[in-house]
Amino acid sequence: QVRLVESGGGLVQAGNSLRLSCVASDRTMRTRAMGWFRQAPGKEREFVGGIDWNGRRTDYAASVKGRFDIFRDNNEITVYLQMDSLKPEDTAVYYCAVGNVGTVINREAKLYDYWGQGTQVTVSS
C-alpha cells in the first residue's frame, strides 16, 4: 500500500507564501507523474498542477499559473508545491496524488491512483 503524507499547510495572509510537501512511502513513485489537487468547501476537487516523473515537465491550472511552482526530489521521493502571492480563493484542502508512469500529466482526479490525506491551506484577506 502506497502512502502519501502532505505537510506544510497553515494560515497565511494574502500575498504571502507557503510550501507544501508530499512524501511517498514507495520508491516506485520515482517513475510516476505526480499531481496536486485542492478542494474548497462545497466545491469539487480541482486540479492545481502536476509534474512528470523526472521533473522536466509541469502543468498548471490557469488560476495558479505564474504563482505556484511544482518540483520534486526523487532521491527523497518528495514532491513540493510552492505557492506564492496567495489569495483568499486559494483556501482549500490540498492533496497530492500519484499519476501514471512517465511523462503524461493528467488533469482528471479519477486518473490518479493514490492520494494523501490532505493539508489545509487558509488564506486570509
C-alpha atoms as a PDB file:
ATOM      1  CA  GLN A   1       0.000   0.000   0.000  1.00  0.00           C
ATOM      2  CA  VAL A   2       1.471   3.333  -1.068  1.00  0.00           C
ATOM      3  CA  ARG A   3       1.245   6.111   1.472  1.00  0.00           C
ATOM      4  CA  LEU A   4       1.488   9.807   0.712  1.00  0.00           C
ATOM      5  CA  VAL A   5       1.908  12.303   3.521  1.00  0.00           C
ATOM      6  CA  GLU A   6       1.376  16.002   2.891  1.00  0.00           C
ATOM      7  CA  SER A   7       2.604  18.749   5.166  1.00  0.00           C
ATOM      8  CA  GLY A   8       3.192  22.486   5.168  1.00  0.00           C
ATOM      9  CA  GLY A   9      -0.339  23.813   5.235  1.00  0.00           C
ATOM     10  CA  GLY A  10      -1.442  26.583   7.513  1.00  0.00           C
ATOM     11  CA  LEU A  11      -2.981  30.013   7.873  1.00  0.00           C
ATOM     12  CA  VAL A  12      -1.369  32.897   5.993  1.00  0.00           C
ATOM     13  CA  GLN A  13      -2.316  36.380   4.905  1.00  0.00           C
ATOM     14  CA  ALA A  14      -2.995  37.188   1.288  1.00  0.00           C
ATOM     15  CA  GLY A  15       0.167  37.891  -0.646  1.00  0.00           C
ATOM     16  CA  ASN A  16       2.297  35.543   1.408  1.00  0.00           C
ATOM     17  CA  SER A  17       3.751  32.153   0.523  1.00  0.00           C
ATOM     18  CA  LEU A  18       3.570  28.536   1.627  1.00  0.00           C
ATOM     19  CA  ARG A  19       5.397  25.433   0.530  1.00  0.00           C
ATOM     20  CA  LEU A  20       3.627  22.098   0.697  1.00  0.00           C
ATOM     21  CA  SER A  21       5.484  18.804   0.744  1.00  0.00           C
ATOM     22  CA  CYS A  22       4.306  15.344  -0.204  1.00  0.00           C
ATOM     23  CA  VAL A  23       6.436  12.363   0.803  1.00  0.00           C
ATOM     24  CA  ALA A  24       5.782   8.951  -0.722  1.00  0.00           C
ATOM     25  CA  SER A  25       6.444   5.663   1.042  1.00  0.00           C
ATOM     26  CA  ASP A  26       7.293   3.684  -2.078  1.00  0.00           C
ATOM     27  CA  ARG A  27      10.364   4.286  -4.228  1.00  0.00           C
ATOM     28  CA  THR A  28       8.486   3.192  -7.352  1.00  0.00           C
ATOM     29  CA  MET A  29       6.849   6.619  -7.187  1.00  0.00           C
ATOM     30  CA  ARG A  30      10.039   7.943  -8.719  1.00  0.00           C
ATOM     31  CA  THR A  31       8.775   6.731 -12.116  1.00  0.00           C
ATOM     32  CA  ARG A  32       5.307   8.241 -11.780  1.00  0.00           C
ATOM     33  CA  ALA A  33       3.874  11.632 -12.565  1.00  0.00           C
ATOM     34  CA  MET A  34       2.502  13.409  -9.507  1.00  0.00           C
ATOM     35  CA  GLY A  35      -0.342  15.841  -9.152  1.00  0.00           C
ATOM     36  CA  TRP A  36      -1.648  18.395  -6.700  1.00  0.00           C
ATOM     37  CA  PHE A  37      -5.363  18.956  -6.281  1.00  0.00           C
ATOM     38  CA  ARG A  38      -7.448  21.081  -3.962  1.00  0.00           C
ATOM     39  CA  GLN A  39     -10.971  21.083  -2.653  1.00  0.00           C
ATOM     40  CA  ALA A  40     -12.728  24.049  -1.127  1.00  0.00           C
ATOM     41  CA  PRO A  41     -15.902  23.663   0.971  1.00  0.00           C
ATOM     42  CA  GLY A  42     -18.904  22.994  -1.212  1.00  0.00           C
ATOM     43  CA  LYS A  43     -16.816  22.647  -4.348  1.00  0.00           C
ATOM     44  CA  GLU A  44     -15.483  19.755  -6.375  1.00  0.00           C
ATOM     45  CA  ARG A  45     -11.875  18.679  -6.186  1.00  0.00           C
ATOM     46  CA  GLU A  46      -9.889  20.534  -8.821  1.00  0.00           C
ATOM     47  CA  PHE A  47      -6.523  20.109 -10.479  1.00  0.00           C
ATOM     48  CA  VAL A  48      -3.864  22.543  -9.328  1.00  0.00           C
ATOM     49  CA  GLY A  49      -0.800  21.272 -11.119  1.00  0.00           C
ATOM     50  CA  GLY A  50       1.311  18.270 -11.929  1.00  0.00           C
ATOM     51  CA  ILE A  51       4.833  17.168 -12.700  1.00  0.00           C
ATOM     52  CA  ASP A  52       6.150  14.300 -14.775  1.00  0.00           C
ATOM     53  CA  TRP A  53       8.357  11.563 -13.420  1.00  0.00           C
ATOM     54  CA  ASN A  54      11.710  13.311 -13.890  1.00  0.00           C
ATOM     55  CA  GLY A  55      10.604  16.866 -13.210  1.00  0.00           C
ATOM     56  CA  ARG A  56      11.150  18.130 -16.748  1.00  0.00           C
ATOM     57  CA  ARG A  57       7.511  18.854 -17.494  1.00  0.00           C
ATOM     58  CA  THR A  58       4.918  20.623 -15.424  1.00  0.00           C
ATOM     59  CA  ASP A  59       1.339  21.691 -16.000  1.00  0.00           C
ATOM     60  CA  TYR A  60      -0.716  24.196 -14.039  1.00  0.00           C
ATOM     61  CA  ALA A  61      -4.313  25.290 -13.784  1.00  0.00           C
ATOM     62  CA  ALA A  62      -4.876  28.736 -15.202  1.00  0.00           C
ATOM     63  CA  SER A  63      -5.891  30.043 -11.780  1.00  0.00           C
ATOM     64  CA  VAL A  64      -2.456  29.348 -10.275  1.00  0.00           C
ATOM     65  CA  LYS A  65      -0.103  29.614 -13.241  1.00  0.00           C
ATOM     66  CA  GLY A  66       2.662  32.075 -12.556  1.00  0.00           C
ATOM     67  CA  ARG A  67       2.080  31.939  -8.793  1.00  0.00           C
ATOM     68  CA  PHE A  68       2.578  28.256  -7.999  1.00  0.00           C
ATOM     69  CA  ASP A  69       5.544  26.041  -8.795  1.00  0.00           C
ATOM     70  CA  ILE A  70       5.851  22.260  -8.555  1.00  0.00           C
ATOM     71  CA  PHE A  71       9.151  20.463  -8.252  1.00  0.00           C
ATOM     72  CA  ARG A  72      10.325  17.106  -6.993  1.00  0.00           C
ATOM     73  CA  ASP A  73      13.269  15.418  -5.369  1.00  0.00           C
ATOM     74  CA  ASN A  74      13.326  11.798  -6.451  1.00  0.00           C
ATOM     75  CA  ASN A  75      16.125  10.977  -4.030  1.00  0.00           C
ATOM     76  CA  GLU A  76      13.753  11.828  -1.207  1.00  0.00           C
ATOM     77  CA  ILE A  77      10.595  10.696  -3.096  1.00  0.00           C
ATOM     78  CA  THR A  78       9.123  14.087  -2.321  1.00  0.00           C
ATOM     79  CA  VAL A  79       7.065  16.479  -4.397  1.00  0.00           C
ATOM     80  CA  TYR A  80       6.687  20.121  -3.487  1.00  0.00           C
ATOM     81  CA  LEU A  81       4.100  22.776  -4.208  1.00  0.00           C
ATOM     82  CA  GLN A  82       5.495  26.269  -3.791  1.00  0.00           C
ATOM     83  CA  MET A  83       2.646  28.742  -3.515  1.00  0.00           C
ATOM     84  CA  ASP A  84       3.401  32.445  -3.838  1.00  0.00           C
ATOM     85  CA  SER A  85       1.152  35.512  -3.936  1.00  0.00           C
ATOM     86  CA  LEU A  86      -1.583  33.570  -2.206  1.00  0.00           C
ATOM     87  CA  LYS A  87      -5.160  34.754  -2.496  1.00  0.00           C
ATOM     88  CA  PRO A  88      -8.203  34.068  -0.307  1.00  0.00           C
ATOM     89  CA  GLU A  89      -9.651  31.993  -3.150  1.00  0.00           C
ATOM     90  CA  ASP A  90      -6.718  29.602  -2.769  1.00  0.00           C
ATOM     91  CA  THR A  91      -8.196  28.479   0.553  1.00  0.00           C
ATOM     92  CA  ALA A  92      -8.813  24.731   0.360  1.00  0.00           C
ATOM     93  CA  VAL A  93      -7.605  21.332   1.435  1.00  0.00           C
ATOM     94  CA  TYR A  94      -4.671  20.424  -0.777  1.00  0.00           C
ATOM     95  CA  TYR A  95      -3.970  16.829  -1.813  1.00  0.00           C
ATOM     96  CA  CYS A  96      -1.107  15.198  -3.621  1.00  0.00           C
ATOM     97  CA  ALA A  97      -1.726  12.158  -5.767  1.00  0.00           C
ATOM     98  CA  VAL A  98       0.163   9.558  -7.765  1.00  0.00           C
ATOM     99  CA  GLY A  99      -0.396   9.547 -11.510  1.00  0.00           C
ATOM    100  CA  ASN A 100       0.694   7.354 -14.352  1.00  0.00           C
ATOM    101  CA  VAL A 101       4.178   6.145 -15.165  1.00  0.00           C
ATOM    102  CA  GLY A 102       6.106   8.524 -17.371  1.00  0.00           C
ATOM    103  CA  THR A 103       5.601  11.979 -18.773  1.00  0.00           C
ATOM    104  CA  VAL A 104       1.855  12.422 -19.183  1.00  0.00           C
ATOM    105  CA  ILE A 105       0.298  14.749 -16.644  1.00  0.00           C
ATOM    106  CA  ASN A 106      -3.421  14.173 -16.309  1.00  0.00           C
ATOM    107  CA  ARG A 107      -5.840  16.789 -15.031  1.00  0.00           C
ATOM    108  CA  GLU A 108      -8.617  14.388 -14.076  1.00  0.00           C
ATOM    109  CA  ALA A 109      -8.645  13.187 -10.489  1.00  0.00           C
ATOM    110  CA  LYS A 110     -10.049   9.790 -11.459  1.00  0.00           C
ATOM    111  CA  LEU A 111      -6.806   9.013 -13.320  1.00  0.00           C
ATOM    112  CA  TYR A 112      -4.756   9.180 -10.132  1.00  0.00           C
ATOM    113  CA  ASP A 113      -4.211   6.015  -8.110  1.00  0.00           C
ATOM    114  CA  TYR A 114      -3.116   7.021  -4.625  1.00  0.00           C
ATOM    115  CA  TRP A 115      -3.940  10.060  -2.526  1.00  0.00           C
ATOM    116  CA  GLY A 116      -2.623  11.731   0.560  1.00  0.00           C
ATOM    117  CA  GLN A 117      -4.796  12.731   3.497  1.00  0.00           C
ATOM    118  CA  GLY A 118      -4.732  16.411   2.587  1.00  0.00           C
ATOM    119  CA  THR A 119      -3.430  19.530   4.272  1.00  0.00           C
ATOM    120  CA  GLN A 120      -5.463  22.656   4.972  1.00  0.00           C
ATOM    121  CA  VAL A 121      -4.417  25.963   3.462  1.00  0.00           C
ATOM    122  CA  THR A 122      -6.260  29.051   4.641  1.00  0.00           C
ATOM    123  CA  VAL A 123      -5.545  32.477   3.173  1.00  0.00           C
ATOM    124  CA  SER A 124      -6.969  35.475   4.991  1.00  0.00           C
ATOM    125  CA  SER A 125      -7.665  38.785   3.311  1.00  0.00           C
END
